[in-house]
Amino acid sequence: MAMPEGGVRETERSGPYVAAVRWVENLSDTQFAYLLLTPVMVLLTVIAFWPLLSTFRMSLFADNLVGAEALGEFVGLQNYVELLSGQRDALLVRPFFDLKAPFTSALTVTLIFTVVSVFLETLVGFAQALVLDQNFRGRRWVRVAIIIPWAIPIVIQGMIFYLLFQPGIGFLVNPENPTILQQLGILGETPLATPVDSLIILVVADVWKTSAFMALIILAGLQSVDRSLYDVGRVAGASKWQQFKMITLPLVLPSVLVAMLFRTIGAMRIYGLIETVVGCNTVPSLSCLVVTTFQGSRMYGTSAAVAFITAALIGVVVSVYIVKYADTQEMA
């Protein structure tokens, strides 16, 4: 029986649509999830990479300190070479990289702060998560108490720690009657004016605030662990430490890596806490160097080079975490 002409045209029109629907239906769950995320990923890629490419373009031009134009002549990678070799240190508020003065150069200060703060935040956050994972009376209020520091704005947090360690105001520093921190040699008479003491204070402030973030993510991982595994471990005679080592840690490690990834990125971009507690002149970070070089010295090419180096370092760290996270997923 011959198909009506209108039916043929309708079939021809619906052919590509039907093929697309069937193609989507044949996708796996993972492929379908990526398909749904594609528009957002494209948008985020454009938003993220356009400023990055613009910054890299600016870093290829010489600094123009007096002219009306923001960009000087094209110099290629000269800004990067002079930064990494120390030739620009005399023009900067603080050196970019100087092993002889690790607590006053931007790169070493950023790396020291990142490693120490993320390590301590992971330990404290893991301990808090283990406590919150237990059933006890008042657990809800303990959770609220742990989250409160994380909810405090950075400016208020910075003012709190500034007042705590300000001589004559805070109770943790007393020039006339040294506190126990001063007697033990941990802090000097004016810790907010000393790079080493100031860095210690900043690490403590950051751990106080953001360990709750680590605890919440790790707690989510702990609560996803099958409780029957611990029953099997107890029947097998495993101690508490063996249960933690063989059950808890391997299964929670992906959540720990995710938390460490976010905190590492945040620590490498630190600026607000430094500026509100001690100032960028005392404890310079890479972000501080970008701001002071751009706004204070008007060295646009140099500041763009520092910003791009910072972004590149963060990209390397993110790649390492992603590879490690993939390895843990394969092991699981």
Protein backbone atom coordinates (compact mmCIF):
# COMPACT_ATOMS: atom_id res chain seq x y z
CA MET A 1 0.00 0.00 0.00
CA ALA A 2 1.44 3.36 -1.04
CA MET A 3 2.15 5.85 1.75
CA PRO A 4 0.41 9.21 1.40
CA GLU A 5 2.52 12.07 0.21
CA GLY A 6 2.03 13.98 3.46
CA GLY A 7 3.13 10.94 5.44
CA VAL A 8 6.36 10.70 3.46
CA ARG A 9 7.19 14.35 4.08
CA GLU A 10 6.43 13.96 7.81
CA THR A 11 8.73 10.93 8.04
CA GLU A 12 11.51 12.78 6.26
CA ARG A 13 11.18 15.76 8.61
CA SER A 14 11.16 13.64 11.74
CA GLY A 15 14.07 11.46 10.63
CA PRO A 16 16.93 13.54 12.13
CA TYR A 17 14.92 14.15 15.29
CA VAL A 18 14.21 10.45 15.77
CA ALA A 19 17.86 9.63 15.11
CA ALA A 20 18.98 12.18 17.71
CA VAL A 21 16.54 10.79 20.28
CA ARG A 22 17.73 7.26 19.67
CA TRP A 23 21.37 8.41 19.93
CA VAL A 24 20.66 9.99 23.30
CA GLU A 25 18.79 6.89 24.50
CA ASN A 26 21.78 4.70 23.62
CA LEU A 27 24.17 6.77 25.72
CA SER A 28 25.44 5.36 28.99
CA ASP A 29 24.66 7.11 32.26
CA THR A 30 28.11 8.70 32.33
CA GLN A 31 27.88 9.89 28.72
CA PHE A 32 24.40 11.30 29.32
CA ALA A 33 25.65 13.18 32.39
CA TYR A 34 28.49 14.70 30.35
CA LEU A 35 26.00 15.66 27.65
CA LEU A 36 23.88 17.57 30.16
CA LEU A 37 26.96 19.28 31.56
CA THR A 38 28.34 20.28 28.16
CA PRO A 39 26.61 23.71 27.91
CA VAL A 40 27.73 24.68 31.41
CA MET A 41 31.26 23.43 30.77
CA VAL A 42 31.47 25.42 27.53
CA LEU A 43 30.22 28.55 29.28
CA LEU A 44 32.63 28.15 32.18
CA THR A 45 35.50 27.48 29.78
CA VAL A 46 34.80 30.71 27.92
CA ILE A 47 34.44 32.71 31.15
CA ALA A 48 37.59 31.22 32.69
CA PHE A 49 39.92 31.16 29.70
CA TRP A 50 39.14 34.54 28.19
CA PRO A 51 40.51 36.52 31.20
CA LEU A 52 43.42 34.07 31.41
CA LEU A 53 44.35 34.59 27.77
CA SER A 54 43.94 38.35 28.17
CA THR A 55 46.27 38.28 31.18
CA PHE A 56 48.84 36.26 29.27
CA ARG A 57 48.66 38.74 26.39
CA MET A 58 49.25 41.64 28.79
CA SER A 59 52.24 39.84 30.30
CA LEU A 60 53.99 39.82 26.92
CA PHE A 61 54.27 43.63 26.88
CA ALA A 62 56.67 45.92 28.71
CA ASP A 63 55.60 47.97 31.70
CA ASN A 64 54.45 51.49 30.88
CA LEU A 65 54.83 53.53 34.04
CA VAL A 66 54.29 57.04 32.69
CA GLY A 67 52.43 56.82 29.39
CA ALA A 68 48.71 56.97 28.84
CA GLU A 69 48.58 53.53 27.30
CA ALA A 70 48.45 50.53 29.64
CA LEU A 71 50.68 48.39 27.46
CA GLY A 72 54.19 49.19 26.32
CA GLU A 73 56.17 47.54 23.57
CA PHE A 74 56.03 43.82 22.91
CA VAL A 75 58.81 42.02 24.82
CA GLY A 76 57.70 38.38 24.64
CA LEU A 77 58.73 36.31 27.65
CA GLN A 78 61.13 38.90 29.02
CA ASN A 79 58.88 39.69 32.00
CA TYR A 80 58.87 36.02 33.01
CA VAL A 81 62.63 35.65 32.61
CA GLU A 82 63.37 38.74 34.70
CA LEU A 83 60.88 37.70 37.38
CA LEU A 84 62.25 34.19 37.76
CA SER A 85 65.87 35.35 37.64
CA GLY A 86 65.32 38.09 40.25
CA GLN A 87 66.06 41.02 37.94
CA ARG A 88 62.70 42.64 38.77
CA ASP A 89 63.01 42.34 42.56
CA ALA A 90 64.41 45.86 42.94
CA LEU A 91 61.28 47.31 41.30
CA LEU A 92 58.82 45.24 43.36
CA VAL A 93 57.53 45.88 46.87
CA ARG A 94 58.75 42.39 47.79
CA PRO A 95 60.86 39.96 45.74
CA PHE A 96 59.09 37.36 43.66
CA PHE A 97 61.43 34.51 44.59
CA ASP A 98 64.40 34.62 46.93
CA LEU A 99 65.62 31.57 48.84
CA LYS A 100 67.83 33.77 51.00
CA ALA A 101 64.71 35.51 52.35
CA PRO A 102 61.96 32.87 52.13
CA PHE A 103 59.57 34.69 54.47
CA THR A 104 59.65 37.93 52.49
CA SER A 105 59.43 36.63 48.91
CA ALA A 106 56.02 36.05 47.37
CA LEU A 107 56.45 32.58 45.90
CA THR A 108 58.06 30.96 48.95
CA VAL A 109 55.59 32.60 51.34
CA THR A 110 52.67 31.31 49.27
CA LEU A 111 54.06 27.78 49.10
CA ILE A 112 54.91 27.65 52.81
CA PHE A 113 51.50 28.98 53.78
CA THR A 114 49.72 26.57 51.42
CA VAL A 115 51.56 23.42 52.53
CA VAL A 116 51.39 24.12 56.28
CA SER A 117 47.82 25.42 56.40
CA VAL A 118 46.31 22.69 54.17
CA PHE A 119 48.15 19.99 56.13
CA LEU A 120 46.89 21.28 59.49
CA GLU A 121 43.39 21.91 58.16
CA THR A 122 43.22 18.34 56.88
CA LEU A 123 44.27 16.93 60.26
CA VAL A 124 41.91 19.16 62.26
CA GLY A 125 39.06 18.71 59.79
CA PHE A 126 39.47 14.94 59.76
CA ALA A 127 39.43 14.85 63.57
CA GLN A 128 36.31 17.02 63.67
CA ALA A 129 34.61 14.82 61.08
CA LEU A 130 35.40 11.66 63.07
CA VAL A 131 33.84 13.24 66.16
CA LEU A 132 30.75 14.44 64.30
CA ASP A 133 30.30 11.01 62.73
CA GLN A 134 29.61 9.53 66.16
CA ASN A 135 26.19 9.40 67.78
CA PHE A 136 26.13 11.45 70.96
CA ARG A 137 23.80 13.87 72.63
CA GLY A 138 24.09 17.43 71.40
CA ARG A 139 25.81 16.50 68.12
CA ARG A 140 23.67 19.02 66.24
CA TRP A 141 24.90 21.89 68.40
CA VAL A 142 28.50 20.76 68.06
CA ARG A 143 28.11 20.89 64.29
CA VAL A 144 26.77 24.42 64.50
CA ALA A 145 29.68 25.47 66.73
CA ILE A 146 32.20 24.04 64.26
CA ILE A 147 30.57 25.77 61.28
CA ILE A 148 30.37 29.24 62.91
CA PRO A 149 34.05 30.19 62.23
CA TRP A 150 33.63 29.24 58.58
CA ALA A 151 30.62 31.57 58.30
CA ILE A 152 32.49 34.62 59.60
CA PRO A 153 33.52 37.04 56.81
CA ILE A 154 37.24 37.35 56.12
CA VAL A 155 37.35 41.04 57.09
CA ILE A 156 35.85 40.33 60.51
CA GLN A 157 38.09 37.31 60.96
CA GLY A 158 41.13 39.40 60.11
CA MET A 159 40.15 42.10 62.59
CA ILE A 160 39.66 39.48 65.32
CA PHE A 161 43.17 38.10 64.91
CA TYR A 162 44.64 41.56 64.47
CA LEU A 163 43.23 42.59 67.85
CA LEU A 164 44.23 39.32 69.51
CA PHE A 165 47.91 39.82 68.66
CA GLN A 166 48.07 43.60 68.85
CA PRO A 167 50.38 44.64 71.75
CA GLY A 168 48.50 46.50 74.45
CA ILE A 169 45.11 45.34 73.13
CA GLY A 170 45.13 41.57 72.67
CA PHE A 171 45.62 39.21 75.59
CA LEU A 172 47.95 36.93 73.59
CA VAL A 173 50.74 39.53 73.40
CA ASN A 174 51.92 41.72 76.26
CA PRO A 175 55.21 43.66 75.95
CA GLU A 176 55.39 44.37 79.69
CA ASN A 177 54.32 41.00 81.03
CA PRO A 178 55.14 38.38 78.35
CA THR A 179 52.48 35.75 77.76
CA ILE A 180 53.21 32.03 77.62
CA LEU A 181 53.53 32.21 73.82
CA GLN A 182 56.20 34.86 74.20
CA GLN A 183 57.94 33.00 77.03
CA LEU A 184 58.17 29.88 74.87
CA GLY A 185 59.70 31.94 72.07
CA ILE A 186 56.82 31.29 69.66
CA LEU A 187 55.99 34.99 69.32
CA GLY A 188 58.00 38.16 69.76
CA GLU A 189 57.03 41.47 71.33
CA THR A 190 55.44 42.77 68.11
CA PRO A 191 54.43 39.65 66.14
CA LEU A 192 52.34 41.55 63.60
CA ALA A 193 55.44 43.40 62.42
CA THR A 194 57.61 40.30 62.01
CA PRO A 195 57.25 38.16 58.85
CA VAL A 196 57.76 34.80 60.59
CA ASP A 197 55.44 35.55 63.51
CA SER A 198 52.86 37.05 61.17
CA LEU A 199 52.93 33.95 58.97
CA ILE A 200 52.32 31.76 62.03
CA ILE A 201 49.34 33.92 63.01
CA LEU A 202 47.94 33.74 59.48
CA VAL A 203 48.23 29.95 59.44
CA VAL A 204 46.41 29.71 62.78
CA ALA A 205 43.71 32.09 61.56
CA ASP A 206 43.21 30.14 58.34
CA VAL A 207 43.05 26.78 60.16
CA TRP A 208 40.56 28.23 62.66
CA LYS A 209 38.24 29.33 59.89
CA THR A 210 38.47 26.73 57.14
CA SER A 211 38.98 23.45 59.02
CA ALA A 212 35.18 23.35 59.30
CA PHE A 213 34.97 23.27 55.50
CA MET A 214 37.28 20.28 55.45
CA ALA A 215 35.27 18.61 58.22
CA LEU A 216 31.96 18.94 56.35
CA ILE A 217 33.30 17.39 53.14
CA ILE A 218 35.10 14.58 54.98
CA LEU A 219 32.00 13.98 57.12
CA ALA A 220 29.96 13.47 53.95
CA GLY A 221 32.47 10.82 52.90
CA LEU A 222 32.38 9.14 56.32
CA GLN A 223 28.60 8.89 56.32
CA SER A 224 28.65 7.22 52.90
CA VAL A 225 30.73 4.31 54.24
CA ASP A 226 28.78 1.08 54.63
CA ARG A 227 28.51 0.46 58.40
CA SER A 228 28.35 -3.29 57.92
CA LEU A 229 32.04 -3.23 56.99
CA TYR A 230 32.88 -2.26 60.56
CA ASP A 231 30.78 -5.16 61.87
CA VAL A 232 32.77 -7.51 59.63
CA GLY A 233 36.00 -5.96 60.90
CA ARG A 234 35.00 -6.42 64.54
CA VAL A 235 34.05 -10.04 63.90
CA ALA A 236 37.44 -10.57 62.27
CA GLY A 237 39.12 -9.16 65.38
CA ALA A 238 40.34 -5.90 63.85
CA SER A 239 41.25 -3.17 66.30
CA LYS A 240 39.97 0.41 66.03
CA TRP A 241 43.20 1.49 64.35
CA GLN A 242 43.05 -1.41 61.88
CA GLN A 243 39.43 -0.54 61.04
CA PHE A 244 40.43 3.06 60.43
CA LYS A 245 43.45 2.07 58.32
CA MET A 246 41.78 -0.65 56.25
CA ILE A 247 38.18 0.63 55.99
CA THR A 248 37.75 4.30 56.86
CA LEU A 249 40.83 5.85 55.29
CA PRO A 250 40.68 4.13 51.86
CA LEU A 251 36.96 4.82 51.44
CA VAL A 252 37.14 8.44 52.63
CA LEU A 253 40.34 9.30 50.76
CA PRO A 254 38.47 10.59 47.65
CA SER A 255 36.52 13.03 49.83
CA VAL A 256 39.72 14.11 51.57
CA LEU A 257 41.37 14.80 48.21
CA VAL A 258 38.40 16.88 47.06
CA ALA A 259 38.53 18.93 50.26
CA MET A 260 42.30 19.37 49.96
CA LEU A 261 41.93 20.44 46.34
CA PHE A 262 39.53 23.26 47.18
CA ARG A 263 41.58 24.40 50.15
CA THR A 264 44.85 24.29 48.22
CA ILE A 265 43.37 26.53 45.53
CA GLY A 266 42.07 28.92 48.19
CA ALA A 267 45.38 28.98 50.07
CA MET A 268 47.39 29.73 46.93
CA ARG A 269 45.10 32.69 46.19
CA ILE A 270 45.19 34.13 49.72
CA TYR A 271 44.96 37.89 49.86
CA GLY A 272 42.13 39.20 52.05
CA LEU A 273 43.28 37.55 55.27
CA ILE A 274 46.82 38.86 54.84
CA GLU A 275 45.69 42.38 54.05
CA THR A 276 43.31 42.60 57.03
CA VAL A 277 45.65 41.07 59.64
CA VAL A 278 49.21 42.18 58.87
CA GLY A 279 49.28 43.77 55.43
CA CYS A 280 50.92 42.62 52.22
CA ASN A 281 54.15 44.44 52.99
CA THR A 282 54.79 42.22 56.00
CA VAL A 283 53.70 38.87 54.53
CA PRO A 284 53.65 39.03 50.74
CA SER A 285 51.83 36.38 48.74
CA LEU A 286 51.51 35.96 45.00
CA SER A 287 48.08 37.61 45.05
CA CYS A 288 49.46 40.45 47.18
CA LEU A 289 52.30 40.92 44.71
CA VAL A 290 49.85 41.11 41.81
CA VAL A 291 47.72 43.75 43.53
CA THR A 292 50.60 45.91 44.79
CA THR A 293 52.43 45.73 41.48
CA PHE A 294 49.33 46.57 39.46
CA GLN A 295 47.78 49.26 41.65
CA GLY A 296 50.81 50.69 43.39
CA SER A 297 53.62 50.52 40.84
CA ARG A 298 51.48 50.49 37.69
CA MET A 299 53.68 47.73 36.29
CA TYR A 300 50.99 46.11 34.20
CA GLY A 301 53.14 43.63 32.30
CA THR A 302 54.93 42.42 35.42
CA SER A 303 51.74 42.07 37.44
CA ALA A 304 50.12 40.14 34.58
CA ALA A 305 53.13 37.83 34.47
CA VAL A 306 52.87 37.16 38.22
CA ALA A 307 49.14 36.53 37.86
CA PHE A 308 49.66 34.08 35.00
CA ILE A 309 52.41 32.24 36.90
CA THR A 310 50.02 31.95 39.85
CA ALA A 311 47.30 30.55 37.60
CA ALA A 312 49.78 28.11 36.05
CA LEU A 313 50.88 26.86 39.48
CA ILE A 314 47.27 26.38 40.52
CA GLY A 315 46.63 24.50 37.28
CA VAL A 316 49.54 22.15 37.98
CA VAL A 317 48.30 21.51 41.51
CA VAL A 318 44.76 20.85 40.27
CA SER A 319 46.10 18.39 37.69
CA VAL A 320 48.03 16.49 40.35
CA TYR A 321 44.95 16.25 42.56
CA ILE A 322 42.80 15.08 39.65
CA VAL A 323 45.28 12.34 38.72
CA LYS A 324 45.50 11.22 42.35
CA TYR A 325 41.71 11.27 42.67
CA ALA A 326 41.37 9.12 39.53
CA ASP A 327 43.85 6.64 41.01
CA THR A 328 41.84 6.34 44.22
CA GLN A 329 38.64 5.82 42.24
CA GLU A 330 40.26 3.00 40.27
CA MET A 331 41.51 1.39 43.49
CA ALA A 332 37.99 1.59 44.96
